[in-house]
Protein backbone atom coordinates (compact mmCIF):
# COMPACT_ATOMS: atom_id res chain seq x y z
CA MET A 1 -13.17 -34.81 -22.01
CA GLY A 2 -10.36 -37.38 -22.20
CA LEU A 3 -9.44 -39.76 -19.42
CA GLU A 4 -6.18 -37.97 -18.61
CA GLU A 5 -7.89 -34.59 -18.42
CA ARG A 6 -10.62 -36.03 -16.19
CA ARG A 7 -8.02 -37.48 -13.84
CA LYS A 8 -6.18 -34.19 -13.70
CA ARG A 9 -9.38 -32.32 -12.84
CA GLU A 10 -10.30 -34.87 -10.18
CA ARG A 11 -6.84 -34.52 -8.68
CA GLU A 12 -7.12 -30.72 -8.53
CA ASN A 13 -10.61 -30.96 -7.02
CA ARG A 14 -9.33 -33.34 -4.35
CA LYS A 15 -6.38 -31.07 -3.52
CA ASN A 16 -8.65 -28.04 -3.27
CA ALA A 17 -11.06 -29.96 -1.03
CA ILE A 18 -8.17 -30.78 1.30
CA LEU A 19 -7.05 -27.13 1.42
CA LYS A 20 -10.62 -25.97 2.06
CA ALA A 21 -11.06 -28.43 4.95
CA ALA A 22 -7.66 -27.50 6.39
CA ARG A 23 -8.45 -23.80 6.19
CA LYS A 24 -11.51 -24.28 8.39
CA LEU A 25 -9.56 -26.27 10.95
CA PHE A 26 -6.59 -23.88 11.08
CA PHE A 27 -9.05 -21.01 11.55
CA GLU A 28 -11.00 -22.77 14.31
CA LYS A 29 -8.20 -24.51 16.21
CA GLY A 30 -4.89 -22.92 15.26
CA PHE A 31 -1.91 -24.57 13.62
CA ARG A 32 -0.67 -26.72 16.51
CA SER A 33 -3.99 -28.39 17.31
CA VAL A 34 -4.67 -29.50 13.74
CA THR A 35 -3.42 -32.89 12.54
CA VAL A 36 -3.35 -34.59 9.16
CA GLU A 37 -5.88 -37.01 10.61
CA SER A 38 -8.30 -34.22 11.53
CA ILE A 39 -7.89 -32.68 8.08
CA ALA A 40 -8.70 -36.06 6.51
CA ARG A 41 -11.87 -36.40 8.62
CA LYS A 42 -12.96 -32.86 7.72
CA ALA A 43 -12.41 -33.55 4.00
CA ASP A 44 -14.11 -37.00 4.22
CA LEU A 45 -10.93 -38.73 3.12
CA SER A 46 -8.59 -41.30 4.57
CA LYS A 47 -5.33 -40.16 6.15
CA GLY A 48 -3.47 -42.04 3.42
CA SER A 49 -5.34 -40.09 0.75
CA ILE A 50 -4.02 -36.83 2.14
CA TYR A 51 -0.45 -38.05 1.72
CA LEU A 52 -1.10 -38.74 -1.96
CA TYR A 53 -1.29 -34.98 -2.45
CA TYR A 54 0.63 -33.35 0.41
CA SER A 55 3.62 -34.57 2.39
CA SER A 56 2.68 -32.95 5.72
CA LYS A 57 0.44 -30.60 7.63
CA GLU A 58 3.13 -27.96 7.15
CA GLU A 59 2.94 -28.24 3.37
CA ILE A 60 -0.85 -27.93 3.47
CA TYR A 61 -0.60 -24.80 5.62
CA SER A 62 2.03 -23.33 3.32
CA GLN A 63 -0.01 -23.98 0.19
CA ILE A 64 -3.02 -22.18 1.69
CA LEU A 65 -0.93 -19.07 2.35
CA LEU A 66 0.95 -19.16 -0.94
CA LYS A 67 -2.16 -19.53 -3.10
CA ASP A 68 -4.02 -16.70 -1.41
CA ILE A 69 -1.09 -14.30 -1.24
CA ASP A 70 -0.52 -14.86 -4.97
CA LYS A 71 -4.20 -14.14 -5.66
CA PHE A 72 -3.94 -10.84 -3.80
CA HIS A 73 -0.76 -9.87 -5.64
CA ASP A 74 -2.38 -10.59 -9.01
CA ARG A 75 -5.30 -8.31 -8.11
CA VAL A 76 -3.14 -5.30 -7.19
CA ALA A 77 -0.05 -5.67 -9.40
CA ASP A 78 -1.26 -3.07 -11.93
CA ILE A 79 -2.97 -0.69 -9.54
CA LEU A 80 -0.77 2.29 -10.46
CA GLN A 81 -1.89 2.10 -14.09
CA ASP A 82 -5.48 2.79 -13.05
CA SER A 83 -4.79 5.57 -10.55
CA SER A 84 -4.29 9.30 -10.99
CA GLY A 85 -1.52 9.45 -8.41
CA ALA A 86 0.20 7.70 -5.51
CA SER A 87 -2.26 8.92 -2.89
CA GLU A 88 -5.23 7.55 -4.79
CA ALA A 89 -3.39 4.29 -5.44
CA LEU A 90 -2.67 3.83 -1.72
CA ILE A 91 -6.32 4.42 -0.83
CA ARG A 92 -7.48 1.98 -3.52
CA LEU A 93 -4.92 -0.61 -2.49
CA ALA A 94 -6.06 -0.34 1.13
CA GLU A 95 -9.69 -0.83 0.06
CA ILE A 96 -8.79 -3.96 -1.90
CA TYR A 97 -6.73 -5.28 1.01
CA VAL A 98 -9.57 -4.75 3.47
CA ASN A 99 -12.19 -6.28 1.20
CA TYR A 100 -9.94 -9.26 0.58
CA PHE A 101 -9.94 -10.14 4.27
CA LEU A 102 -13.52 -9.12 4.97
CA ASN A 103 -14.50 -11.71 2.38
CA ASP A 104 -12.10 -14.29 3.82
CA ARG A 105 -11.67 -13.94 7.56
CA GLU A 106 -10.18 -17.40 7.81
CA LEU A 107 -7.25 -16.27 5.67
CA PHE A 108 -6.60 -13.21 7.81
CA ARG A 109 -6.38 -15.25 11.00
CA ILE A 110 -4.14 -17.82 9.30
CA LEU A 111 -1.90 -15.04 7.97
CA MET A 112 -1.64 -13.35 11.37
CA ASN A 113 -0.92 -16.69 13.01
CA PHE A 114 1.99 -17.23 10.62
CA MET A 115 3.38 -13.74 11.21
CA ILE A 116 3.22 -14.02 15.01
CA HIS A 117 3.97 -17.70 15.59
CA ASN A 118 5.90 -18.91 12.56
CA ASN A 119 9.00 -19.74 14.63
CA GLY A 120 6.97 -22.22 16.63
CA MET A 121 5.44 -23.94 13.62
CA ASN A 122 8.55 -25.86 12.65
CA LEU A 123 7.94 -25.29 8.97
CA PRO A 124 10.73 -26.58 6.74
CA ALA A 125 13.22 -23.77 6.16
CA ASP A 126 12.63 -23.68 2.40
CA LEU A 127 8.84 -23.40 2.83
CA ASN A 128 9.20 -20.70 5.48
CA ILE A 129 11.50 -18.66 3.24
CA HIS A 130 9.20 -19.18 0.25
CA ILE A 131 6.17 -17.88 2.18
CA ILE A 132 8.09 -14.83 3.44
CA LYS A 133 9.36 -14.02 -0.06
CA THR A 134 5.87 -14.38 -1.52
CA MET A 135 4.44 -12.18 1.22
CA ASN A 136 7.12 -9.54 0.63
CA ARG A 137 6.32 -9.56 -3.09
CA ALA A 138 2.73 -8.63 -2.27
CA ILE A 139 3.76 -5.98 0.28
CA ASP A 140 6.20 -4.50 -2.23
CA VAL A 141 3.23 -3.04 -4.09
CA PHE A 142 2.97 -0.49 -1.28
CA GLU A 143 6.64 0.33 -1.76
CA GLN A 144 6.19 0.76 -5.52
CA ILE A 145 3.37 3.25 -4.93
CA LEU A 146 5.47 5.22 -2.44
CA LYS A 147 8.38 5.29 -4.91
CA PHE A 148 6.04 6.53 -7.64
CA GLY A 149 4.86 9.30 -5.30
CA MET A 150 8.46 10.32 -4.65
CA GLU A 151 9.28 10.44 -8.36
CA LYS A 152 6.25 12.63 -9.07
CA GLY A 153 6.94 15.00 -6.17
CA GLU A 154 3.83 13.86 -4.32
CA PHE A 155 5.90 12.50 -1.41
CA PRO A 156 9.28 13.70 -0.05
CA PRO A 157 12.34 12.60 -2.06
CA ASP A 158 13.98 11.20 1.08
CA THR A 159 11.00 9.03 2.09
CA ASN A 160 12.22 5.79 3.66
CA LEU A 161 10.44 3.30 1.39
CA ARG A 162 10.86 0.18 3.52
CA LEU A 163 9.95 1.91 6.77
CA ASN A 164 6.84 3.57 5.36
CA ARG A 165 5.79 0.41 3.50
CA ASN A 166 5.89 -1.53 6.75
CA ALA A 167 4.15 1.26 8.66
CA ILE A 168 1.22 1.32 6.23
CA TRP A 169 0.97 -2.46 6.16
CA GLY A 170 1.05 -2.55 9.95
CA LEU A 171 -1.63 0.12 10.12
CA LEU A 172 -3.95 -1.91 7.90
CA ASN A 173 -3.39 -5.18 9.74
CA GLY A 174 -3.71 -3.55 13.15
CA ILE A 175 -7.07 -1.97 12.36
CA ILE A 176 -8.41 -5.13 10.73
CA ALA A 177 -7.29 -7.22 13.73
CA LEU A 178 -8.85 -4.72 16.14
CA HIS A 179 -12.33 -4.95 14.64
CA LEU A 180 -12.61 -8.15 12.59
CA PHE A 181 -13.49 -10.51 15.43
CA THR A 182 -14.87 -8.11 18.05
CA GLY A 183 -17.92 -5.91 18.47
CA LYS A 184 -21.26 -6.23 16.71
CA GLU A 185 -21.06 -8.17 13.47
CA ALA A 186 -23.29 -5.71 11.60
CA LYS A 187 -20.91 -2.83 12.34
CA ARG A 188 -17.52 -4.52 11.88
CA ALA A 189 -17.03 -3.95 8.15
CA GLU A 190 -17.98 -0.29 8.33
CA ALA A 191 -15.80 0.27 11.41
CA ILE A 192 -12.80 -1.24 9.61
CA ARG A 193 -13.34 0.66 6.37
CA SER A 194 -13.96 4.05 7.97
CA THR A 195 -11.07 3.74 10.45
CA ILE A 196 -8.62 2.69 7.75
CA LYS A 197 -9.77 5.40 5.35
CA THR A 198 -9.41 8.11 7.99
CA SER A 199 -6.06 6.81 9.29
CA LEU A 200 -4.58 6.45 5.82
CA GLU A 201 -5.76 9.91 4.77
CA ILE A 202 -4.01 11.37 7.85
CA TYR A 203 -0.85 9.39 7.03
CA ILE A 204 -0.88 10.52 3.39
CA ARG A 205 -1.56 14.12 4.40
CA GLY A 206 1.54 13.99 6.58
CA LEU A 207 3.68 12.68 3.72
CA ARG A 208 2.33 15.27 1.29
CA SER A 209 2.81 18.12 3.77
CA SER A 210 6.38 17.02 4.33
CA ALA A 211 6.97 17.03 0.57
CA TYR A 212 5.52 20.55 0.28
CA CYS A 213 7.65 21.86 3.18
CA LYS A 214 10.82 20.47 1.61
CA LYS A 215 10.02 22.26 -1.66
CA TYR A 216 9.43 25.62 -0.02
């Protein structure tokens, strides 16, 4: 390995260590209580070292969200190609979404914190817009599945894509939030999975029934 490549790898390792330390702190204390100084202590670095890689706490927070939202999008971008229909694709997408946050509860709390409190975070306007656009790109997968279901006659032709996309996304987040940090730890994952599966099946059944009624 050459010197330049070694330096590049060390730089990436240092940046990832900072993000990992910051994740823990944002999860434990919330955005407002975390400082660049506390992130530096958690990562065993000097405060000045943090600024070699990130300009602010806001940029660190943004990078955590952007990286993980992109990872989720990459995992589900081709979900329709591996599904027999829109209903199956929605169920599979919900399972992936749930597992993503069950395996990374820190991310879910950070994501919810951004959605609820982003106006009070004073993120630079360009970063705030970038996060929202990236998040919408991931949520758009739900919309693509609904559109596919409309084209194939599985869902009604007049289905409001944006409204139903948001309703399904809200359903998933609401159920995850309800169970992820409450109740007995041993039962949380199963409670989330079973509640989401049942709720989504009811939702899909309603869409499919509406499509059938409109045909006949």
